[in-house]
Amino acid sequence: MSRRTIRTIAAAGALLLAATACNSASTSSGDGDKGSSARGVSADSIKVGGIVSMTTASGYSKKDTDLGAKARYDRANAEGGINGRKIDYLGAEDDGQDGGKNMAAARKLVQQEKVFAVSPMSSTTFSGADFLEKQKVPTFGWGTLPSFCGQNKFLYGFNGCLVPMPGGTITQSWPEGLAHVLGGAKGKSVAIIANDNEPGKFSIRTYQQGFKTAGFKVTYAKANVPTTTAPSDWSAYTKALLRSNGGKAPDAIVSVMQTPYNIGLFTALKRAGYKGVLTDPTDYDPALLAKDATKQALDGVHVLLAFEPFESTSPSMKQFKEDIKKAAGKDVPLNMHMMTGYMSADLFLSIAEKAGKDLTVESFQKAADGFSDTGTMVGDRALPKGQREAFGCGALVQLKDGKYAVSSPFKCYEPIPFK
């Protein structure tokens, strides 16, 4: 079929979606007469969209990921854009943490909105990954999903790949940070629990190996908590956890779950008399302190961060806080979702800048291959290494008496081989 025939059909509207779906990311999308042959790129703008779980069945929301991305794009535009082009950020589609909606959002952004890139993508489901990869859409998000690791050339975790394939590596920031809190891993025991879904099962496999390598005794490692809604009765889980260490409680309990689940589990554990260390990777959010019940449930919990804590006084953190305030129009409580959006956008912008004035998927991917920088809020970044392993940096903060304090400083650790 000739290009003229395709245009005729598209103009008639008969096969618009089919024709768009068949086009590659570097095929003209109507912007070619404005100075670029890349979809979503004109002489003066780069079109970018996002996919974020803003609403979920459990009530957990990542909506501030969108604000974080906007804050970073706003600053880039205020500084003159990327090689003379402003970022036309469309905002994020809400996938409701639903696989079907995630795919629909990906298709909408590519086929209807004709974006050059998707950044951020933050959800526990990523059914649109294969579609975005096939359409050659550079996509940036939190590398907690297998799609951001391994063979996908166009998908990037803002802090690297956190769930590697065999042959890759595992970041040791959580085990080593917890060892710092406990005064060492030797003779210490941990129990790990996660949701009963693919990310949960993969997390168990990853962290079980990581904590063992760090010197911990892993007494329990199961992805067995339903994902639809948080259980109303946690007794079965607390009994199993508190008896996992030869009939005794482990020194630490590691929850690889979202906030509503952590609140329920930690409350039940405390009521059962557990005095050990509680830790998770999600509950770094000052907004959680607004409710006494939530604040009480999470009091004492050590939260894993894959970025500099907000308590840092570095120039980068100062800039981040200023950018968020400008984008929000006021002072707002900071949270990790803002950082996810901000650093996803930052990595995209950094690669796009390196790609130069002639921005195409090909020039972008060439810039990504061999990209590196140092001293960012997620540590030293390097590609394509970051598509196989994490950047390896992290910290722990503890919620205590209504505020967060650093319990293990931000540091980069040597990763271990994933088997």
Protein backbone atom coordinates (compact mmCIF):
# COMPACT_ATOMS: atom_id res chain seq x y z
CA MET A 1 0.00 0.00 0.00
CA SER A 2 1.44 3.37 -1.02
CA ARG A 3 1.88 6.26 1.41
CA ARG A 4 -0.65 8.28 -0.64
CA THR A 5 -3.20 5.49 -0.23
CA ILE A 6 -2.61 5.34 3.51
CA ARG A 7 -3.13 9.08 3.81
CA THR A 8 -6.34 8.88 1.82
CA ILE A 9 -7.72 6.18 4.05
CA ALA A 10 -6.65 8.04 7.18
CA ALA A 11 -8.29 11.25 5.97
CA ALA A 12 -11.52 9.40 5.36
CA GLY A 13 -11.32 8.05 8.90
CA ALA A 14 -12.02 4.48 7.81
CA LEU A 15 -8.87 2.84 9.13
CA LEU A 16 -7.28 5.54 11.30
CA LEU A 17 -6.45 3.37 14.30
CA ALA A 18 -5.24 0.45 12.21
CA ALA A 19 -2.98 2.67 10.13
CA THR A 20 -1.58 4.37 13.22
CA ALA A 21 -0.93 1.07 14.96
CA CYS A 22 1.06 -0.17 11.98
CA ASN A 23 3.30 2.89 11.83
CA SER A 24 6.63 2.73 13.62
CA ALA A 25 7.62 5.40 16.10
CA SER A 26 9.89 7.08 13.58
CA THR A 27 7.23 7.31 10.84
CA SER A 28 5.73 10.70 10.06
CA SER A 29 2.60 11.49 12.06
CA GLY A 30 1.70 14.80 10.50
CA ASP A 31 4.43 16.78 12.21
CA GLY A 32 6.99 16.13 9.48
CA ASP A 33 6.29 19.44 7.72
CA LYS A 34 7.24 21.20 10.96
CA GLY A 35 10.79 19.97 10.99
CA SER A 36 10.82 16.37 12.26
CA SER A 37 9.87 12.92 11.01
CA ALA A 38 9.42 11.51 14.53
CA ARG A 39 6.00 10.98 16.00
CA GLY A 40 5.27 13.61 18.64
CA VAL A 41 8.20 15.84 17.65
CA SER A 42 7.73 19.17 15.87
CA ALA A 43 10.17 22.01 15.25
CA ASP A 44 9.37 23.53 18.62
CA SER A 45 7.89 20.80 20.87
CA ILE A 46 8.15 17.21 22.10
CA LYS A 47 4.89 15.56 23.10
CA VAL A 48 5.03 13.36 26.21
CA GLY A 49 2.32 11.59 28.23
CA GLY A 50 2.15 9.49 31.36
CA ILE A 51 0.33 6.47 32.83
CA VAL A 52 -0.24 6.50 36.58
CA SER A 53 -2.46 4.59 39.02
CA MET A 54 -4.30 7.61 40.42
CA THR A 55 -7.28 5.63 41.67
CA THR A 56 -7.27 2.02 42.92
CA ALA A 57 -9.69 -0.42 44.53
CA SER A 58 -7.69 -0.31 47.78
CA GLY A 59 -7.66 3.49 47.92
CA TYR A 60 -3.90 3.66 47.36
CA SER A 61 -2.98 6.42 44.92
CA LYS A 62 0.13 7.40 42.99
CA LYS A 63 -1.43 10.61 41.64
CA ASP A 64 1.45 12.80 42.80
CA THR A 65 3.68 11.00 40.30
CA ASP A 66 2.00 13.24 37.73
CA LEU A 67 2.84 16.37 39.74
CA GLY A 68 6.48 15.31 40.03
CA ALA A 69 6.77 14.86 36.28
CA LYS A 70 5.07 18.18 35.60
CA ALA A 71 7.45 19.93 37.99
CA ARG A 72 10.50 18.64 36.13
CA TYR A 73 9.07 19.39 32.67
CA ASP A 74 8.06 22.88 33.79
CA ARG A 75 11.63 23.64 34.83
CA ALA A 76 13.01 22.27 31.57
CA ASN A 77 10.66 24.54 29.64
CA ALA A 78 11.52 27.54 31.81
CA GLU A 79 15.19 26.94 30.98
CA GLY A 80 14.47 26.99 27.23
CA GLY A 81 13.42 23.41 26.59
CA ILE A 82 15.45 20.58 25.13
CA ASN A 83 17.64 21.67 22.21
CA GLY A 84 15.17 24.45 21.46
CA ARG A 85 12.02 22.36 21.88
CA LYS A 86 9.53 22.76 24.73
CA ILE A 87 8.05 19.70 26.40
CA ASP A 88 4.33 19.40 25.68
CA TYR A 89 3.39 17.27 28.68
CA LEU A 90 -0.18 15.99 28.34
CA GLY A 91 -0.39 14.77 31.91
CA ALA A 92 -0.96 11.20 33.02
CA GLU A 93 -3.72 8.75 32.12
CA ASP A 94 -5.26 6.98 35.14
CA ASP A 95 -5.06 3.19 34.70
CA GLY A 96 -6.83 2.47 38.00
CA GLN A 97 -4.16 -0.20 38.60
CA ASP A 98 -6.08 -2.31 36.08
CA GLY A 99 -4.39 -4.26 33.30
CA GLY A 100 -7.03 -3.49 30.69
CA LYS A 101 -6.96 0.21 31.47
CA ASN A 102 -3.17 0.23 31.38
CA MET A 103 -3.22 -1.17 27.86
CA ALA A 104 -5.97 1.26 26.83
CA ALA A 105 -3.96 4.19 28.18
CA ALA A 106 -0.86 3.10 26.25
CA ARG A 107 -2.84 2.78 23.03
CA LYS A 108 -4.52 6.15 23.52
CA LEU A 109 -1.23 7.97 24.08
CA VAL A 110 0.38 6.43 21.01
CA GLN A 111 -2.48 6.07 18.54
CA GLN A 112 -4.55 9.15 19.39
CA GLU A 113 -2.22 11.58 21.15
CA LYS A 114 0.84 10.50 19.14
CA VAL A 115 3.34 11.02 21.94
CA PHE A 116 7.06 10.62 21.41
CA ALA A 117 7.55 9.18 24.91
CA VAL A 118 5.65 7.93 27.96
CA SER A 119 7.19 9.30 31.14
CA PRO A 120 6.20 8.54 33.84
CA MET A 121 4.65 5.07 33.89
CA SER A 122 3.90 4.16 37.48
CA SER A 123 1.61 1.24 38.26
CA THR A 124 1.80 -2.28 39.66
CA THR A 125 0.47 -3.51 36.32
CA PHE A 126 2.09 -2.88 32.96
CA SER A 127 0.10 -4.78 30.37
CA GLY A 128 0.88 -2.05 27.85
CA ALA A 129 4.62 -2.80 27.98
CA ASP A 130 4.79 -5.02 24.89
CA PHE A 131 2.70 -2.56 22.88
CA LEU A 132 4.93 0.40 23.78
CA GLU A 133 8.04 -1.65 23.03
CA LYS A 134 6.76 -2.71 19.61
CA GLN A 135 5.76 0.87 18.82
CA LYS A 136 9.27 2.02 19.82
CA VAL A 137 8.04 4.46 22.45
CA PRO A 138 10.71 5.45 25.02
CA THR A 139 9.03 4.76 28.36
CA PHE A 140 10.29 5.67 31.83
CA GLY A 141 9.02 4.63 35.26
CA TRP A 142 9.77 2.87 38.49
CA GLY A 143 11.79 -0.26 37.67
CA THR A 144 9.91 -2.48 40.12
CA LEU A 145 8.31 -4.44 37.26
CA PRO A 146 10.04 -7.10 35.11
CA SER A 147 9.04 -5.17 31.96
CA PHE A 148 11.64 -2.53 32.82
CA CYS A 149 14.33 -5.20 32.90
CA GLY A 150 15.89 -7.58 30.44
CA GLN A 151 15.15 -7.48 26.74
CA ASN A 152 12.94 -4.40 26.34
CA LYS A 153 15.06 -1.84 24.53
CA PHE A 154 12.73 1.16 24.90
CA LEU A 155 11.72 0.81 28.57
CA TYR A 156 13.78 2.38 31.36
CA GLY A 157 13.57 2.37 35.16
CA PHE A 158 14.41 5.81 36.57
CA ASN A 159 16.61 4.12 39.18
CA GLY A 160 17.50 1.11 37.07
CA CYS A 161 16.13 -2.42 37.03
CA LEU A 162 14.96 -3.51 40.47
CA VAL A 163 13.66 -6.97 39.48
CA PRO A 164 16.38 -8.43 37.26
CA MET A 165 16.37 -11.55 35.16
CA PRO A 166 18.89 -14.36 35.77
CA GLY A 167 22.24 -13.09 34.63
CA GLY A 168 21.49 -9.62 35.98
CA THR A 169 22.17 -8.28 39.45
CA ILE A 170 20.22 -7.42 42.61
CA THR A 171 20.65 -4.18 44.50
CA GLN A 172 21.56 -4.68 48.14
CA SER A 173 20.39 -1.32 49.48
CA TRP A 174 17.52 -2.83 51.51
CA PRO A 175 19.42 -5.75 53.12
CA GLU A 176 22.48 -3.62 53.82
CA GLY A 177 20.39 -0.74 55.10
CA LEU A 178 18.52 -3.05 57.45
CA ALA A 179 21.82 -4.54 58.62
CA HIS A 180 22.90 -1.00 59.50
CA VAL A 181 19.73 -0.52 61.57
CA LEU A 182 20.17 -3.86 63.38
CA GLY A 183 23.88 -3.45 64.01
CA GLY A 184 24.80 -6.18 61.54
CA ALA A 185 23.12 -9.11 59.79
CA LYS A 186 25.01 -11.96 61.49
CA GLY A 187 22.68 -13.98 63.66
CA LYS A 188 19.66 -11.87 62.63
CA SER A 189 16.48 -13.24 61.05
CA VAL A 190 13.96 -11.75 58.64
CA ALA A 191 10.54 -12.76 57.35
CA ILE A 192 9.38 -11.45 53.96
CA ILE A 193 5.75 -11.14 52.85
CA ALA A 194 4.19 -9.85 49.62
CA ASN A 195 0.98 -9.81 47.59
CA ASP A 196 -0.12 -12.84 45.61
CA ASN A 197 0.62 -11.50 42.13
CA GLU A 198 3.50 -11.66 39.67
CA PRO A 199 5.36 -8.59 41.03
CA GLY A 200 4.93 -9.97 44.54
CA LYS A 201 6.26 -13.40 43.62
CA PHE A 202 9.20 -11.86 41.82
CA SER A 203 9.94 -9.60 44.80
CA ILE A 204 10.00 -12.60 47.12
CA ARG A 205 12.44 -14.39 44.85
CA THR A 206 14.67 -11.33 44.61
CA TYR A 207 14.71 -10.23 48.25
CA GLN A 208 15.00 -13.74 49.60
CA GLN A 209 18.28 -14.07 47.75
CA GLY A 210 19.40 -10.54 48.67
CA PHE A 211 18.81 -10.88 52.41
CA LYS A 212 20.47 -14.30 52.53
CA THR A 213 23.52 -12.97 50.72
CA ALA A 214 23.76 -10.09 53.19
CA GLY A 215 23.99 -12.63 56.02
CA PHE A 216 20.41 -12.77 57.30
CA LYS A 217 18.53 -15.95 58.08
CA VAL A 218 15.29 -15.83 56.04
CA THR A 219 12.61 -17.59 58.10
CA TYR A 220 9.59 -16.86 55.89
CA ALA A 221 9.23 -15.74 52.27
CA LYS A 222 5.76 -15.90 50.73
CA ALA A 223 3.64 -13.92 48.27
CA ASN A 224 0.30 -14.97 49.68
CA VAL A 225 -1.74 -11.83 50.48
CA PRO A 226 -4.73 -11.30 48.09
CA THR A 227 -4.43 -8.26 45.83
CA THR A 228 -8.08 -7.28 45.37
CA THR A 229 -8.62 -5.69 48.80
CA ALA A 230 -6.62 -5.67 52.01
CA PRO A 231 -7.68 -8.51 54.37
CA SER A 232 -9.95 -7.56 57.25
CA ASP A 233 -8.49 -10.37 59.35
CA TRP A 234 -4.69 -10.59 59.42
CA SER A 235 -4.46 -13.26 62.14
CA ALA A 236 -3.43 -16.10 59.81
CA TYR A 237 -0.55 -14.04 58.46
CA THR A 238 0.62 -12.71 61.82
CA LYS A 239 0.63 -16.20 63.37
CA ALA A 240 2.74 -17.57 60.51
CA LEU A 241 5.16 -14.66 60.65
CA LEU A 242 5.55 -14.63 64.43
CA ARG A 243 6.24 -18.37 64.58
CA SER A 244 8.50 -18.53 61.54
CA ASN A 245 11.81 -18.37 63.42
CA GLY A 246 11.69 -21.83 65.00
CA GLY A 247 8.47 -20.98 66.81
CA LYS A 248 9.68 -17.47 67.67
CA ALA A 249 9.36 -14.09 66.01
CA PRO A 250 12.04 -12.96 63.52
CA ASP A 251 14.20 -9.92 64.22
CA ALA A 252 12.64 -8.05 61.29
CA ILE A 253 9.55 -8.35 59.11
CA VAL A 254 9.86 -7.10 55.54
CA SER A 255 6.61 -6.18 53.78
CA VAL A 256 6.79 -5.72 50.01
CA MET A 257 3.25 -4.28 49.83
CA GLN A 258 1.38 -1.00 49.44
CA THR A 259 0.25 1.27 52.25
CA PRO A 260 -3.29 -0.09 52.95
CA TYR A 261 -1.86 -3.58 53.35
CA ASN A 262 1.04 -2.40 55.49
CA ILE A 263 -1.29 -0.50 57.82
CA GLY A 264 -3.40 -3.61 58.36
CA LEU A 265 -0.46 -5.97 58.78
CA PHE A 266 1.63 -3.74 61.02
CA THR A 267 -1.34 -2.90 63.24
CA ALA A 268 -2.08 -6.61 63.67
CA LEU A 269 1.57 -7.40 64.43
CA LYS A 270 1.79 -4.68 67.06
CA ARG A 271 -1.42 -5.86 68.69
CA ALA A 272 0.05 -9.35 68.80
CA GLY A 273 2.99 -7.94 70.75
CA TYR A 274 5.68 -7.89 68.06
CA LYS A 275 8.67 -5.78 69.15
CA GLY A 276 11.02 -6.35 66.23
CA VAL A 277 11.82 -4.14 63.24
CA LEU A 278 9.15 -3.47 60.61
CA THR A 279 10.15 -2.27 57.17
CA ASP A 280 8.55 -1.63 53.77
CA PRO A 281 9.32 0.22 50.51
CA THR A 282 6.23 2.42 50.16
CA ASP A 283 5.30 4.43 53.25
CA TYR A 284 7.44 7.54 52.90
CA ASP A 285 4.62 10.06 52.71
CA PRO A 286 4.03 12.91 55.17
CA ALA A 287 0.34 12.88 54.19
CA LEU A 288 0.06 9.57 56.02
CA LEU A 289 0.70 11.43 59.25
CA ALA A 290 -2.56 13.39 58.99
CA LYS A 291 -4.58 10.54 60.51
CA ASP A 292 -3.79 9.34 64.00
CA ALA A 293 -4.67 5.71 63.22
CA THR A 294 -2.35 5.66 60.21
CA LYS A 295 0.42 7.45 62.06
CA GLN A 296 0.16 4.98 64.92
CA ALA A 297 0.16 1.94 62.60
CA LEU A 298 3.31 3.10 60.82
CA ASP A 299 5.15 4.49 63.84
CA GLY A 300 8.60 2.96 64.08
CA VAL A 301 8.56 1.55 60.55
CA HIS A 302 11.76 1.82 58.50
CA VAL A 303 10.98 2.71 54.88
CA LEU A 304 13.30 1.85 51.99
CA LEU A 305 14.10 4.71 49.60
CA ALA A 306 15.82 4.34 46.25
CA PHE A 307 16.62 8.06 46.23
CA GLU A 308 17.95 10.77 48.50
CA PRO A 309 15.71 11.36 51.53
CA PHE A 310 13.80 14.63 51.55
CA GLU A 311 15.75 15.43 54.70
CA SER A 312 18.87 15.82 52.55
CA THR A 313 20.31 19.32 52.17
CA SER A 314 21.99 18.73 48.78
CA PRO A 315 21.57 21.29 45.95
CA SER A 316 19.61 18.70 43.94
CA MET A 317 17.11 18.20 46.74
CA LYS A 318 16.76 21.95 47.19
CA GLN A 319 16.01 22.29 43.47
CA PHE A 320 13.49 19.44 43.63
CA LYS A 321 11.60 21.11 46.46
CA GLU A 322 11.52 24.45 44.62
CA ASP A 323 10.25 22.79 41.44
CA ILE A 324 7.48 20.92 43.25
CA LYS A 325 6.32 24.09 44.99
CA LYS A 326 6.15 25.98 41.70
CA ALA A 327 4.24 23.21 39.96
CA ALA A 328 1.78 22.81 42.83
CA GLY A 329 1.38 26.56 43.30
CA LYS A 330 1.97 26.21 47.03
CA ASP A 331 3.87 24.28 49.67
CA VAL A 332 2.72 20.65 49.66
CA PRO A 333 3.85 17.62 51.66
CA LEU A 334 6.49 15.72 49.68
CA ASN A 335 6.17 12.02 48.91
CA MET A 336 7.99 9.31 47.00
CA HIS A 337 5.48 9.37 44.13
CA MET A 338 6.56 12.93 43.31
CA MET A 339 10.13 11.69 43.16
CA THR A 340 9.12 8.82 40.85
CA GLY A 341 7.57 11.25 38.38
CA TYR A 342 10.34 13.81 38.72
CA MET A 343 13.24 11.41 38.19
CA SER A 344 11.46 9.53 35.39
CA ALA A 345 11.12 12.86 33.61
CA ASP A 346 14.69 13.80 34.48
CA LEU A 347 16.16 10.68 32.91
CA PHE A 348 14.09 11.16 29.76
CA LEU A 349 15.16 14.80 29.49
CA SER A 350 18.82 13.97 30.05
CA ILE A 351 18.84 11.43 27.22
CA ALA A 352 16.81 13.69 24.90
CA GLU A 353 19.31 16.51 25.50
CA LYS A 354 22.17 14.23 24.53
CA ALA A 355 20.29 13.09 21.39
CA GLY A 356 20.66 16.58 19.92
CA LYS A 357 18.50 18.73 17.66
CA ASP A 358 17.63 15.95 15.23
CA LEU A 359 15.41 14.05 17.65
CA THR A 360 14.13 10.71 16.39
CA VAL A 361 13.68 7.36 18.07
CA GLU A 362 16.94 6.28 16.46
CA SER A 363 18.91 9.29 17.71
CA PHE A 364 17.31 8.95 21.16
CA GLN A 365 18.24 5.27 21.44
CA LYS A 366 21.76 6.00 20.23
CA ALA A 367 22.08 8.62 22.98
CA ALA A 368 20.71 6.17 25.55
CA ASP A 369 23.23 3.53 24.58
CA GLY A 370 26.23 4.55 26.63
CA PHE A 371 24.49 7.33 28.58
CA SER A 372 25.86 8.01 32.06
CA ASP A 373 25.98 10.74 34.68
CA THR A 374 26.85 11.02 38.34
CA GLY A 375 25.63 12.53 41.58
CA THR A 376 21.88 12.47 40.88
CA MET A 377 19.23 11.95 43.54
CA VAL A 378 19.22 8.24 42.62
CA GLY A 379 23.00 7.96 42.51
CA ASP A 380 25.17 7.36 39.46
CA ARG A 381 23.14 6.48 36.36
CA ALA A 382 24.39 4.35 33.47
CA LEU A 383 22.71 2.79 30.42
CA PRO A 384 22.13 0.20 29.10
CA LYS A 385 23.43 -1.20 32.38
CA GLY A 386 20.36 0.24 34.13
CA GLN A 387 18.11 -1.98 32.01
CA ARG A 388 19.72 -5.04 33.57
CA GLU A 389 20.40 -3.91 37.12
CA ALA A 390 19.58 -1.19 39.64
CA PHE A 391 21.75 1.86 40.10
CA GLY A 392 22.35 0.30 43.52
CA CYS A 393 21.72 3.22 45.87
CA GLY A 394 19.29 3.61 48.74
CA ALA A 395 18.51 4.76 52.25
CA LEU A 396 16.16 3.90 55.10
CA VAL A 397 14.08 6.45 56.97
CA GLN A 398 12.13 5.74 60.12
CA LEU A 399 8.81 7.25 61.09
CA LYS A 400 9.12 8.15 64.74
CA ASP A 401 6.99 10.49 66.87
CA GLY A 402 5.17 11.90 63.87
CA LYS A 403 8.16 12.65 61.64
CA TYR A 404 10.70 10.87 59.44
CA ALA A 405 14.37 10.60 60.29
CA VAL A 406 17.19 8.91 58.36
CA SER A 407 17.97 5.54 59.96
CA SER A 408 20.42 4.33 57.30
CA PRO A 409 22.11 7.01 55.15
CA PHE A 410 21.79 7.21 51.36
CA LYS A 411 24.57 5.07 49.98
CA CYS A 412 25.42 3.01 46.91
CA TYR A 413 26.11 -0.70 47.44
CA GLU A 414 27.79 -3.32 45.31
CA PRO A 415 25.06 -5.44 43.65
CA ILE A 416 25.04 -9.25 43.68
CA PRO A 417 24.43 -11.67 40.78
CA PHE A 418 20.82 -12.75 40.43
CA LYS A 419 20.43 -16.51 40.12
